[in-house]
Amino acid sequence: MIGKIEALRLELNKLSLIKQLADRELIETSQQLDEVLKQYNMLLKQKSEN
């Protein structure tokens, strides 16, 4: 999961250099990163509760 987060973060950074902030591809990548980060945070929370 960490690898996916890093890949999406790098992709988002790359896109932000060449696309407008309202570009659909940039927004979709940002949303994908948000979702993976939410999942990761839920896993961390579950792990800390056990």
Protein backbone atom coordinates (compact mmCIF):
# COMPACT_ATOMS: atom_id res chain seq x y z
CA MET A 1 0.00 0.00 0.00
CA ILE A 2 2.89 2.36 0.74
CA GLY A 3 4.16 1.78 -2.79
CA LYS A 4 0.77 2.71 -4.25
CA ILE A 5 0.63 5.87 -2.13
CA GLU A 6 4.09 6.88 -3.29
CA ALA A 7 3.30 6.15 -6.95
CA LEU A 8 0.10 8.20 -6.83
CA ARG A 9 1.88 11.02 -5.00
CA LEU A 10 4.60 11.15 -7.65
CA GLU A 11 2.03 11.00 -10.46
CA LEU A 12 0.06 13.83 -8.87
CA ASN A 13 3.20 15.94 -8.55
CA LYS A 14 4.08 15.27 -12.19
CA LEU A 15 0.59 16.12 -13.39
CA SER A 16 0.52 19.33 -11.37
CA LEU A 17 3.49 20.57 -13.37
CA ILE A 18 1.88 20.03 -16.77
CA LYS A 19 -1.87 20.26 -16.20
CA GLN A 20 -4.30 22.88 -14.98
CA LEU A 21 -5.59 22.35 -11.44
CA ALA A 22 -9.10 21.73 -12.77
CA ASP A 23 -7.89 19.07 -15.24
CA ARG A 24 -9.93 15.88 -14.98
CA GLU A 25 -6.87 13.59 -14.88
CA LEU A 26 -5.30 15.59 -12.06
CA ILE A 27 -8.53 15.58 -10.06
CA GLU A 28 -9.03 11.83 -10.56
CA THR A 29 -5.47 11.09 -9.45
CA SER A 30 -5.95 13.27 -6.40
CA GLN A 31 -9.15 11.42 -5.54
CA GLN A 32 -7.42 8.06 -5.96
CA LEU A 33 -4.65 9.18 -3.62
CA ASP A 34 -7.23 10.39 -1.09
CA GLU A 35 -8.98 7.01 -1.16
CA VAL A 36 -5.76 5.03 -0.69
CA LEU A 37 -4.71 7.33 2.16
CA LYS A 38 -8.09 6.80 3.85
CA GLN A 39 -7.68 3.03 3.56
CA TYR A 40 -4.16 3.23 4.95
CA ASN A 41 -5.28 5.36 7.88
CA MET A 42 -8.09 2.89 8.65
CA LEU A 43 -5.58 0.03 8.69
CA LEU A 44 -3.31 1.96 11.04
CA LYS A 45 -6.23 2.73 13.32
CA GLN A 46 -7.33 -0.91 13.40
CA LYS A 47 -3.79 -2.03 14.13
CA SER A 48 -3.40 0.43 17.00
CA GLU A 49 -6.70 -0.71 18.54
CA ASN A 50 -5.56 -4.34 18.69
